[in-house]
């Protein structure tokens, strides 16, 4: 239960807020403006399909 709460907090709060903060500092870090806006999407489904698993071997 606690891991579920932490997982949701990470995806809903930490990633968007910290990502936006880092996005603002890209100019200072890389000395150039970013070309694309960040999406802040975290992959929900990380399971591999059967055909994908055969490619890994």
PDB file of N, CA and C in Angstrom:
ATOM      1  N   UNK A   1       0.818  -1.194   0.000  1.00  0.00           N
ATOM      2  CA  UNK A   1       0.000   0.000   0.000  1.00  0.00           C
ATOM      3  C   UNK A   1       0.866   1.264   0.000  1.00  0.00           C
ATOM      4  N   UNK A   2       1.905   1.279   0.827  1.00  0.00           N
ATOM      5  CA  UNK A   2       2.764   2.464   0.879  1.00  0.00           C
ATOM      6  C   UNK A   2       3.517   2.655  -0.433  1.00  0.00           C
ATOM      7  N   UNK A   3       3.883   1.542  -1.077  1.00  0.00           N
ATOM      8  CA  UNK A   3       4.592   1.651  -2.350  1.00  0.00           C
ATOM      9  C   UNK A   3       3.676   2.199  -3.437  1.00  0.00           C
ATOM     10  N   UNK A   4       2.410   1.848  -3.372  1.00  0.00           N
ATOM     11  CA  UNK A   4       1.447   2.373  -4.335  1.00  0.00           C
ATOM     12  C   UNK A   4       1.296   3.888  -4.175  1.00  0.00           C
ATOM     13  N   UNK A   5       1.261   4.354  -2.948  1.00  0.00           N
ATOM     14  CA  UNK A   5       1.150   5.784  -2.678  1.00  0.00           C
ATOM     15  C   UNK A   5       2.410   6.507  -3.161  1.00  0.00           C
ATOM     16  N   UNK A   6       3.576   5.931  -2.853  1.00  0.00           N
ATOM     17  CA  UNK A   6       4.830   6.546  -3.291  1.00  0.00           C
ATOM     18  C   UNK A   6       4.954   6.555  -4.811  1.00  0.00           C
ATOM     19  N   UNK A   7       4.499   5.487  -5.452  1.00  0.00           N
ATOM     20  CA  UNK A   7       4.544   5.397  -6.903  1.00  0.00           C
ATOM     21  C   UNK A   7       3.681   6.483  -7.535  1.00  0.00           C
ATOM     22  N   UNK A   8       2.480   6.642  -7.019  1.00  0.00           N
ATOM     23  CA  UNK A   8       1.586   7.680  -7.550  1.00  0.00           C
ATOM     24  C   UNK A   8       2.136   9.080  -7.293  1.00  0.00           C
ATOM     25  N   UNK A   9       2.705   9.293  -6.105  1.00  0.00           N
ATOM     26  CA  UNK A   9       3.282  10.602  -5.788  1.00  0.00           C
ATOM     27  C   UNK A   9       4.453  10.910  -6.708  1.00  0.00           C
ATOM     28  N   UNK A  10       5.266   9.908  -6.997  1.00  0.00           N
ATOM     29  CA  UNK A  10       6.399  10.094  -7.895  1.00  0.00           C
ATOM     30  C   UNK A  10       5.923  10.476  -9.292  1.00  0.00           C
ATOM     31  N   UNK A  11       4.920   9.766  -9.796  1.00  0.00           N
ATOM     32  CA  UNK A  11       4.446  10.007 -11.162  1.00  0.00           C
ATOM     33  C   UNK A  11       3.637  11.289 -11.290  1.00  0.00           C
ATOM     34  N   UNK A  12       2.868  11.632 -10.273  1.00  0.00           N
ATOM     35  CA  UNK A  12       1.964  12.783 -10.367  1.00  0.00           C
ATOM     36  C   UNK A  12       2.579  14.086  -9.858  1.00  0.00           C
ATOM     37  N   UNK A  13       3.561  13.986  -8.944  1.00  0.00           N
ATOM     38  CA  UNK A  13       4.107  15.196  -8.331  1.00  0.00           C
ATOM     39  C   UNK A  13       5.579  15.406  -8.680  1.00  0.00           C
ATOM     40  N   UNK A  14       6.414  14.426  -8.356  1.00  0.00           N
ATOM     41  CA  UNK A  14       7.854  14.598  -8.484  1.00  0.00           C
ATOM     42  C   UNK A  14       8.296  14.797  -9.935  1.00  0.00           C
ATOM     43  N   UNK A  15       7.886  13.929 -10.828  1.00  0.00           N
ATOM     44  CA  UNK A  15       8.335  14.008 -12.222  1.00  0.00           C
ATOM     45  C   UNK A  15       7.902  15.314 -12.884  1.00  0.00           C
ATOM     46  N   UNK A  16       6.650  15.706 -12.810  1.00  0.00           N
ATOM     47  CA  UNK A  16       6.272  16.974 -13.468  1.00  0.00           C
ATOM     48  C   UNK A  16       6.959  18.208 -12.861  1.00  0.00           C
ATOM     49  N   UNK A  17       7.048  18.278 -11.547  1.00  0.00           N
ATOM     50  CA  UNK A  17       7.628  19.464 -10.911  1.00  0.00           C
ATOM     51  C   UNK A  17       9.130  19.511 -11.146  1.00  0.00           C
ATOM     52  N   UNK A  18       9.834  18.418 -10.857  1.00  0.00           N
ATOM     53  CA  UNK A  18      11.277  18.403 -11.025  1.00  0.00           C
ATOM     54  C   UNK A  18      11.648  18.529 -12.503  1.00  0.00           C
ATOM     55  N   UNK A  19      10.848  17.925 -13.366  1.00  0.00           N
ATOM     56  CA  UNK A  19      11.096  18.023 -14.797  1.00  0.00           C
ATOM     57  C   UNK A  19      10.975  19.445 -15.297  1.00  0.00           C
ATOM     58  N   UNK A  20       9.996  20.171 -14.812  1.00  0.00           N
ATOM     59  CA  UNK A  20       9.831  21.572 -15.222  1.00  0.00           C
ATOM     60  C   UNK A  20      10.959  22.441 -14.692  1.00  0.00           C
ATOM     61  N   UNK A  21      11.411  22.145 -13.483  1.00  0.00           N
ATOM     62  CA  UNK A  21      12.534  22.900 -12.918  1.00  0.00           C
ATOM     63  C   UNK A  21      13.781  22.673 -13.765  1.00  0.00           C
ATOM     64  N   UNK A  22      14.067  21.422 -14.098  1.00  0.00           N
ATOM     65  CA  UNK A  22      15.226  21.136 -14.940  1.00  0.00           C
ATOM     66  C   UNK A  22      15.077  21.739 -16.333  1.00  0.00           C
ATOM     67  N   UNK A  23      13.866  21.741 -16.856  1.00  0.00           N
ATOM     68  CA  UNK A  23      13.617  22.322 -18.172  1.00  0.00           C
ATOM     69  C   UNK A  23      13.993  23.810 -18.185  1.00  0.00           C
ATOM     70  N   UNK A  24      13.743  24.491 -17.086  1.00  0.00           N
ATOM     71  CA  UNK A  24      14.082  25.917 -16.996  1.00  0.00           C
ATOM     72  C   UNK A  24      15.592  26.135 -16.965  1.00  0.00           C
ATOM     73  N   UNK A  25      16.340  25.155 -16.433  1.00  0.00           N
ATOM     74  CA  UNK A  25      17.783  25.299 -16.308  1.00  0.00           C
ATOM     75  C   UNK A  25      18.562  24.716 -17.483  1.00  0.00           C
ATOM     76  N   UNK A  26      17.879  24.234 -18.508  1.00  0.00           N
ATOM     77  CA  UNK A  26      18.561  23.646 -19.665  1.00  0.00           C
ATOM     78  C   UNK A  26      19.459  24.676 -20.338  1.00  0.00           C
ATOM     79  N   UNK A  27      18.996  25.896 -20.414  1.00  0.00           N
ATOM     80  CA  UNK A  27      19.820  26.948 -21.022  1.00  0.00           C
ATOM     81  C   UNK A  27      21.157  27.092 -20.290  1.00  0.00           C
ATOM     82  N   UNK A  28      21.122  27.040 -18.984  1.00  0.00           N
ATOM     83  CA  UNK A  28      22.349  27.190 -18.206  1.00  0.00           C
ATOM     84  C   UNK A  28      23.222  25.936 -18.267  1.00  0.00           C
ATOM     85  N   UNK A  29      22.586  24.770 -18.226  1.00  0.00           N
ATOM     86  CA  UNK A  29      23.335  23.513 -18.192  1.00  0.00           C
ATOM     87  C   UNK A  29      23.989  23.226 -19.541  1.00  0.00           C
ATOM     88  N   UNK A  30      23.230  23.322 -20.611  1.00  0.00           N
ATOM     89  CA  UNK A  30      23.721  22.937 -21.934  1.00  0.00           C
ATOM     90  C   UNK A  30      24.179  24.129 -22.785  1.00  0.00           C
ATOM     91  N   UNK A  31      23.952  25.327 -22.309  1.00  0.00           N
ATOM     92  CA  UNK A  31      24.314  26.545 -23.023  1.00  0.00           C
ATOM     93  C   UNK A  31      23.597  26.695 -24.365  1.00  0.00           C
ATOM     94  N   UNK A  32      22.413  26.084 -24.472  1.00  0.00           N
ATOM     95  CA  UNK A  32      21.564  26.271 -25.654  1.00  0.00           C
ATOM     96  C   UNK A  32      20.124  25.985 -25.255  1.00  0.00           C
ATOM     97  N   UNK A  33      19.201  26.548 -25.976  1.00  0.00           N
ATOM     98  CA  UNK A  33      17.793  26.351 -25.645  1.00  0.00           C
ATOM     99  C   UNK A  33      17.322  24.979 -26.131  1.00  0.00           C
ATOM    100  N   UNK A  34      16.362  24.389 -25.436  1.00  0.00           N
ATOM    101  CA  UNK A  34      15.864  23.074 -25.846  1.00  0.00           C
ATOM    102  C   UNK A  34      15.091  23.155 -27.156  1.00  0.00           C
ATOM    103  N   UNK A  35      15.177  22.099 -27.954  1.00  0.00           N
ATOM    104  CA  UNK A  35      14.493  22.061 -29.250  1.00  0.00           C
ATOM    105  C   UNK A  35      13.061  21.557 -29.124  1.00  0.00           C
ATOM    106  N   UNK A  36      12.820  20.665 -28.164  1.00  0.00           N
ATOM    107  CA  UNK A  36      11.483  20.096 -27.980  1.00  0.00           C
ATOM    108  C   UNK A  36      11.033  20.304 -26.541  1.00  0.00           C
ATOM    109  N   UNK A  37       9.733  20.428 -26.363  1.00  0.00           N
ATOM    110  CA  UNK A  37       9.192  20.520 -25.015  1.00  0.00           C
ATOM    111  C   UNK A  37       9.137  19.121 -24.397  1.00  0.00           C
ATOM    112  N   UNK A  38       9.392  19.004 -23.108  1.00  0.00           N
ATOM    113  CA  UNK A  38       9.319  17.698 -22.459  1.00  0.00           C
ATOM    114  C   UNK A  38       7.878  17.231 -22.334  1.00  0.00           C
ATOM    115  N   UNK A  39       7.684  15.916 -22.290  1.00  0.00           N
ATOM    116  CA  UNK A  39       6.336  15.365 -22.195  1.00  0.00           C
ATOM    117  C   UNK A  39       5.978  14.951 -20.780  1.00  0.00           C
ATOM    118  N   UNK A  40       6.964  14.606 -19.972  1.00  0.00           N
ATOM    119  CA  UNK A  40       6.756  14.148 -18.598  1.00  0.00           C
ATOM    120  C   UNK A  40       5.914  12.884 -18.541  1.00  0.00           C
ATOM    121  N   UNK A  41       5.953  12.092 -19.601  1.00  0.00           N
ATOM    122  CA  UNK A  41       5.199  10.838 -19.608  1.00  0.00           C
ATOM    123  C   UNK A  41       6.078   9.721 -19.060  1.00  0.00           C
ATOM    124  N   UNK A  42       5.503   8.936 -18.184  1.00  0.00           N
ATOM    125  CA  UNK A  42       6.189   7.768 -17.651  1.00  0.00           C
ATOM    126  C   UNK A  42       5.489   6.557 -18.226  1.00  0.00           C
ATOM    127  N   UNK A  43       6.250   5.628 -18.746  1.00  0.00           N
ATOM    128  CA  UNK A  43       5.682   4.444 -19.385  1.00  0.00           C
ATOM    129  C   UNK A  43       4.932   3.616 -18.349  1.00  0.00           C
ATOM    130  N   UNK A  44       3.657   3.393 -18.582  1.00  0.00           N
ATOM    131  CA  UNK A  44       2.828   2.612 -17.671  1.00  0.00           C
ATOM    132  C   UNK A  44       3.004   1.114 -17.895  1.00  0.00           C
ATOM    133  N   UNK A  45       3.057   0.706 -19.147  1.00  0.00           N
ATOM    134  CA  UNK A  45       3.131  -0.714 -19.461  1.00  0.00           C
ATOM    135  C   UNK A  45       4.542  -1.040 -19.928  1.00  0.00           C
ATOM    136  N   UNK A  46       5.311  -1.723 -19.086  1.00  0.00           N
ATOM    137  CA  UNK A  46       6.682  -2.041 -19.436  1.00  0.00           C
ATOM    138  C   UNK A  46       6.854  -3.506 -19.801  1.00  0.00           C
ATOM    139  N   UNK A  47       5.772  -4.247 -19.842  1.00  0.00           N
ATOM    140  CA  UNK A  47       5.887  -5.658 -20.176  1.00  0.00           C
ATOM    141  C   UNK A  47       6.165  -5.825 -21.666  1.00  0.00           C
ATOM    142  N   UNK A  48       6.941  -6.840 -21.991  1.00  0.00           N
ATOM    143  CA  UNK A  48       7.279  -7.113 -23.386  1.00  0.00           C
ATOM    144  C   UNK A  48       6.296  -8.104 -23.977  1.00  0.00           C
ATOM    145  N   UNK A  49       6.002  -7.918 -25.220  1.00  0.00           N
ATOM    146  CA  UNK A  49       5.153  -8.869 -25.931  1.00  0.00           C
ATOM    147  C   UNK A  49       5.978 -10.117 -26.240  1.00  0.00           C
ATOM    148  N   UNK A  50       5.304 -11.217 -26.603  1.00  0.00           N
ATOM    149  CA  UNK A  50       5.998 -12.453 -26.914  1.00  0.00           C
ATOM    150  C   UNK A  50       6.949 -12.289 -28.094  1.00  0.00           C
ATOM    151  N   UNK A  51       6.554 -11.529 -29.071  1.00  0.00           N
ATOM    152  CA  UNK A  51       7.426 -11.335 -30.239  1.00  0.00           C
ATOM    153  C   UNK A  51       8.635 -10.494 -29.878  1.00  0.00           C
ATOM    154  N   UNK A  52       8.490  -9.541 -28.951  1.00  0.00           N
ATOM    155  CA  UNK A  52       9.600  -8.730 -28.526  1.00  0.00           C
ATOM    156  C   UNK A  52      10.612  -9.541 -27.715  1.00  0.00           C
ATOM    157  N   UNK A  53      10.118 -10.482 -26.913  1.00  0.00           N
ATOM    158  CA  UNK A  53      11.009 -11.307 -26.099  1.00  0.00           C
ATOM    159  C   UNK A  53      11.857 -12.212 -26.974  1.00  0.00           C
ATOM    160  N   UNK A  54      11.313 -12.686 -28.095  1.00  0.00           N
ATOM    161  CA  UNK A  54      12.087 -13.547 -28.968  1.00  0.00           C
ATOM    162  C   UNK A  54      13.217 -12.781 -29.648  1.00  0.00           C
ATOM    163  N   UNK A  55      13.051 -11.488 -29.837  1.00  0.00           N
ATOM    164  CA  UNK A  55      14.089 -10.672 -30.452  1.00  0.00           C
ATOM    165  C   UNK A  55      15.244 -10.440 -29.505  1.00  0.00           C
ATOM    166  N   UNK A  56      14.977 -10.466 -28.202  1.00  0.00           N
ATOM    167  CA  UNK A  56      16.011 -10.196 -27.208  1.00  0.00           C
ATOM    168  C   UNK A  56      17.011 -11.342 -27.137  1.00  0.00           C
ATOM    169  N   UNK A  57      16.532 -12.562 -27.289  1.00  0.00           N
ATOM    170  CA  UNK A  57      17.401 -13.734 -27.171  1.00  0.00           C
ATOM    171  C   UNK A  57      18.383 -13.722 -28.256  1.00  0.00           C
TER     172      UNK A  57
END
